[in-house]
C-alpha atoms as a PDB file:
ATOM      1  CA  MET A   1       6.208 -24.595  14.567  1.00  0.00           C
ATOM      2  CA  ARG A   2       6.223 -20.817  14.391  1.00  0.00           C
ATOM      3  CA  THR A   3       3.198 -18.575  14.711  1.00  0.00           C
ATOM      4  CA  LYS A   4       2.932 -15.125  13.215  1.00  0.00           C
ATOM      5  CA  PRO A   5       0.625 -12.139  13.511  1.00  0.00           C
ATOM      6  CA  ALA A   6      -2.133 -11.534  10.972  1.00  0.00           C
ATOM      7  CA  LEU A   7      -4.422  -8.646  10.160  1.00  0.00           C
ATOM      8  CA  THR A   8      -7.874  -8.834  11.679  1.00  0.00           C
ATOM      9  CA  ASP A   9     -11.032  -7.350  10.213  1.00  0.00           C
ATOM     10  CA  VAL A  10     -10.824  -4.604  12.846  1.00  0.00           C
ATOM     11  CA  ASP A  11      -7.211  -3.864  11.820  1.00  0.00           C
ATOM     12  CA  VAL A  12      -8.219  -3.520   8.182  1.00  0.00           C
ATOM     13  CA  LYS A  13     -11.094  -1.174   9.053  1.00  0.00           C
ATOM     14  CA  THR A  14      -8.784   0.896  11.278  1.00  0.00           C
ATOM     15  CA  ILE A  15      -6.175   1.219   8.527  1.00  0.00           C
ATOM     16  CA  ALA A  16      -8.780   2.101   5.912  1.00  0.00           C
ATOM     17  CA  ALA A  17     -10.488   4.725   8.085  1.00  0.00           C
ATOM     18  CA  ALA A  18      -7.226   6.448   9.012  1.00  0.00           C
ATOM     19  CA  ALA A  19      -5.951   6.435   5.428  1.00  0.00           C
ATOM     20  CA  GLU A  20      -9.243   7.831   4.180  1.00  0.00           C
ATOM     21  CA  ALA A  21      -9.262  10.531   6.877  1.00  0.00           C
ATOM     22  CA  HIS A  22      -5.737  11.585   5.886  1.00  0.00           C
ATOM     23  CA  ALA A  23      -6.684  11.741   2.209  1.00  0.00           C
ATOM     24  CA  LEU A  24      -9.865  13.708   2.875  1.00  0.00           C
ATOM     25  CA  ALA A  25      -8.073  16.153   5.196  1.00  0.00           C
ATOM     26  CA  ASN A  26      -5.731  16.939   2.303  1.00  0.00           C
ATOM     27  CA  LYS A  27      -8.519  16.966  -0.305  1.00  0.00           C
ATOM     28  CA  TRP A  28      -6.843  14.102  -2.176  1.00  0.00           C
ATOM     29  CA  ASN A  29      -9.107  11.948  -4.364  1.00  0.00           C
ATOM     30  CA  VAL A  30      -7.493   8.545  -4.085  1.00  0.00           C
ATOM     31  CA  THR A  31      -8.203   4.839  -4.026  1.00  0.00           C
ATOM     32  CA  ILE A  32      -7.036   2.892  -0.975  1.00  0.00           C
ATOM     33  CA  ALA A  33      -6.327  -0.845  -1.081  1.00  0.00           C
ATOM     34  CA  VAL A  34      -5.393  -3.109   1.831  1.00  0.00           C
ATOM     35  CA  VAL A  35      -4.088  -6.630   1.210  1.00  0.00           C
ATOM     36  CA  ASP A  36      -2.986  -9.522   3.413  1.00  0.00           C
ATOM     37  CA  ASP A  37       0.509 -11.018   3.447  1.00  0.00           C
ATOM     38  CA  GLY A  38      -0.254 -13.000   0.280  1.00  0.00           C
ATOM     39  CA  GLY A  39      -1.370  -9.904  -1.612  1.00  0.00           C
ATOM     40  CA  HIS A  40      -5.057 -10.844  -1.439  1.00  0.00           C
ATOM     41  CA  LEU A  41      -7.422  -7.890  -1.407  1.00  0.00           C
ATOM     42  CA  LEU A  42      -9.126  -7.232   1.941  1.00  0.00           C
ATOM     43  CA  HIS A  43     -10.364  -3.675   1.335  1.00  0.00           C
ATOM     44  CA  LEU A  44     -10.747  -1.360  -1.649  1.00  0.00           C
ATOM     45  CA  HIS A  45     -12.313   2.090  -1.576  1.00  0.00           C
ATOM     46  CA  ARG A  46     -12.270   4.591  -4.411  1.00  0.00           C
ATOM     47  CA  LEU A  47     -13.049   8.034  -3.006  1.00  0.00           C
ATOM     48  CA  ASP A  48     -15.281  10.399  -4.937  1.00  0.00           C
ATOM     49  CA  GLY A  49     -13.333  12.005  -7.746  1.00  0.00           C
ATOM     50  CA  ALA A  50     -10.603   9.353  -7.940  1.00  0.00           C
ATOM     51  CA  GLY A  51      -9.938   8.132 -11.464  1.00  0.00           C
ATOM     52  CA  ALA A  52     -11.087   4.691 -12.546  1.00  0.00           C
ATOM     53  CA  SER A  53      -7.537   3.460 -13.144  1.00  0.00           C
ATOM     54  CA  THR A  54      -6.572   4.213  -9.538  1.00  0.00           C
ATOM     55  CA  ALA A  55      -8.412   1.101  -8.327  1.00  0.00           C
ATOM     56  CA  GLU A  56      -6.073  -1.146 -10.309  1.00  0.00           C
ATOM     57  CA  MET A  57      -2.986   0.886  -9.425  1.00  0.00           C
ATOM     58  CA  ALA A  58      -3.700   0.962  -5.674  1.00  0.00           C
ATOM     59  CA  THR A  59      -4.345  -2.775  -5.612  1.00  0.00           C
ATOM     60  CA  GLY A  60      -1.193  -3.456  -7.619  1.00  0.00           C
ATOM     61  CA  LYS A  61       0.921  -1.263  -5.360  1.00  0.00           C
ATOM     62  CA  ALA A  62      -0.397  -3.022  -2.261  1.00  0.00           C
ATOM     63  CA  ARG A  63       0.256  -6.480  -3.742  1.00  0.00           C
ATOM     64  CA  THR A  64       3.750  -5.513  -4.847  1.00  0.00           C
ATOM     65  CA  ALA A  65       4.607  -4.144  -1.378  1.00  0.00           C
ATOM     66  CA  ALA A  66       3.278  -7.247   0.388  1.00  0.00           C
ATOM     67  CA  LEU A  67       4.877  -9.815  -1.892  1.00  0.00           C
ATOM     68  CA  GLY A  68       8.100  -7.862  -2.371  1.00  0.00           C
ATOM     69  CA  ARG A  69       8.342  -7.160   1.368  1.00  0.00           C
ATOM     70  CA  ARG A  70       9.325  -3.529   0.818  1.00  0.00           C
ATOM     71  CA  GLU A  71       7.930  -0.181  -0.212  1.00  0.00           C
ATOM     72  CA  THR A  72       7.210   0.077  -3.906  1.00  0.00           C
ATOM     73  CA  LYS A  73       9.356   3.223  -4.029  1.00  0.00           C
ATOM     74  CA  VAL A  74      12.399   0.910  -3.786  1.00  0.00           C
ATOM     75  CA  TYR A  75      11.435  -0.670  -7.111  1.00  0.00           C
ATOM     76  CA  GLU A  76      10.653   2.674  -8.720  1.00  0.00           C
ATOM     77  CA  ASP A  77      14.066   3.994  -7.657  1.00  0.00           C
ATOM     78  CA  MET A  78      15.844   0.894  -9.027  1.00  0.00           C
ATOM     79  CA  ILE A  79      14.187   1.379 -12.406  1.00  0.00           C
ATOM     80  CA  LYS A  80      14.982   5.110 -12.420  1.00  0.00           C
ATOM     81  CA  GLN A  81      18.630   4.225 -11.743  1.00  0.00           C
ATOM     82  CA  GLY A  82      18.738   2.179 -14.935  1.00  0.00           C
ATOM     83  CA  ARG A  83      17.724  -1.334 -13.871  1.00  0.00           C
ATOM     84  CA  VAL A  84      15.036  -1.414 -16.548  1.00  0.00           C
ATOM     85  CA  ALA A  85      15.191  -5.213 -16.677  1.00  0.00           C
ATOM     86  CA  PHE A  86      13.314  -5.039 -13.371  1.00  0.00           C
ATOM     87  CA  LEU A  87      10.233  -4.037 -15.386  1.00  0.00           C
ATOM     88  CA  SER A  88       9.887  -7.696 -16.349  1.00  0.00           C
ATOM     89  CA  ALA A  89       9.643  -8.799 -12.685  1.00  0.00           C
ATOM     90  CA  PRO A  90       6.328 -10.423 -11.748  1.00  0.00           C
ATOM     91  CA  MET A  91       5.255  -7.449  -9.636  1.00  0.00           C
ATOM     92  CA  THR A  92       2.265  -5.479 -10.830  1.00  0.00           C
ATOM     93  CA  ALA A  93       2.951  -1.876  -9.814  1.00  0.00           C
ATOM     94  CA  MET A  94       6.431  -0.557  -9.213  1.00  0.00           C
ATOM     95  CA  LEU A  95       5.521   3.033  -8.412  1.00  0.00           C
ATOM     96  CA  GLU A  96       5.700   4.724  -5.022  1.00  0.00           C
ATOM     97  CA  GLY A  97       2.527   4.387  -2.956  1.00  0.00           C
ATOM     98  CA  GLY A  98       2.672   0.776  -1.749  1.00  0.00           C
ATOM     99  CA  VAL A  99       3.773   0.283   1.864  1.00  0.00           C
ATOM    100  CA  PRO A 100       4.133  -3.067   3.656  1.00  0.00           C
ATOM    101  CA  ILE A 101       2.675  -3.563   7.131  1.00  0.00           C
ATOM    102  CA  VAL A 102       5.441  -4.987   9.299  1.00  0.00           C
ATOM    103  CA  VAL A 103       4.940  -6.490  12.752  1.00  0.00           C
ATOM    104  CA  GLY A 104       8.248  -7.566  14.247  1.00  0.00           C
ATOM    105  CA  ALA A 105       9.976  -9.506  11.483  1.00  0.00           C
ATOM    106  CA  ASP A 106       6.728 -10.385   9.707  1.00  0.00           C
ATOM    107  CA  ILE A 107       4.967  -8.766   6.773  1.00  0.00           C
ATOM    108  CA  VAL A 108       1.263  -9.054   7.612  1.00  0.00           C
ATOM    109  CA  GLY A 109      -0.056  -7.129   4.622  1.00  0.00           C
ATOM    110  CA  ALA A 110       0.297  -3.842   2.788  1.00  0.00           C
ATOM    111  CA  VAL A 111      -1.522  -0.664   1.861  1.00  0.00           C
ATOM    112  CA  GLY A 112      -1.529   0.725  -1.661  1.00  0.00           C
ATOM    113  CA  VAL A 113      -2.794   4.159  -2.635  1.00  0.00           C
ATOM    114  CA  SER A 114      -3.179   5.810  -6.017  1.00  0.00           C
ATOM    115  CA  GLY A 115      -4.604   9.093  -7.215  1.00  0.00           C
ATOM    116  CA  VAL A 116      -2.228  11.927  -6.314  1.00  0.00           C
ATOM    117  CA  LYS A 117       1.552  12.447  -6.437  1.00  0.00           C
ATOM    118  CA  SER A 118       3.457   9.304  -5.541  1.00  0.00           C
ATOM    119  CA  ASP A 119       4.858  10.669  -2.275  1.00  0.00           C
ATOM    120  CA  GLN A 120       1.339  11.762  -1.283  1.00  0.00           C
ATOM    121  CA  ASP A 121       0.009   8.279  -2.084  1.00  0.00           C
ATOM    122  CA  ALA A 122       2.678   6.838   0.224  1.00  0.00           C
ATOM    123  CA  ALA A 123       1.798   9.362   2.952  1.00  0.00           C
ATOM    124  CA  VAL A 124      -1.832   8.192   2.876  1.00  0.00           C
ATOM    125  CA  ALA A 125      -0.713   4.563   3.135  1.00  0.00           C
ATOM    126  CA  ARG A 126       1.593   5.341   6.058  1.00  0.00           C
ATOM    127  CA  ALA A 127      -1.167   7.257   7.859  1.00  0.00           C
ATOM    128  CA  GLY A 128      -3.363   4.182   7.675  1.00  0.00           C
ATOM    129  CA  ILE A 129      -0.644   1.907   9.004  1.00  0.00           C
ATOM    130  CA  ALA A 130       0.228   4.343  11.792  1.00  0.00           C
ATOM    131  CA  ALA A 131      -3.326   4.000  13.126  1.00  0.00           C
ATOM    132  CA  LEU A 132      -2.369   0.467  14.223  1.00  0.00           C
ATOM    133  CA  GLY A 133       0.366   1.908  16.417  1.00  0.00           C
ATOM    134  CA  ILE A 134       3.159   0.412  14.308  1.00  0.00           C
ATOM    135  CA  GLU A 135       5.629   2.132  12.029  1.00  0.00           C
ATOM    136  CA  SER A 136       5.881   1.422   8.335  1.00  0.00           C
ATOM    137  CA  VAL A 137       9.316   0.516   7.003  1.00  0.00           C
END
């Protein structure tokens, strides 16, 4: 039987705090979502000034990154390149800003961010993941 790493409560709090600090340092009003490897919500925080819809988008981006095992930008790029049939895939948010958390060969969760430009959303997610001392893919 194989064992695999999993996010702890401390890991989730570390990710969330670092992502929030990065967003606040840039004056970005965003929502930050952290999910486990099954896409189940572990943390959601909508910063002051973030739009109401960002809570759904951030959660969807995180779920899509965890379940799809890749950054949501990959899906956005596929659609932009004409693979519009991909819009019917069972993912919930195929816009940049969802980043999986990878430990070794395992996806242990993901961070999704929504509220600013897509590349800025992704930067906030990566800043949170970097606080664990691991690189995002």
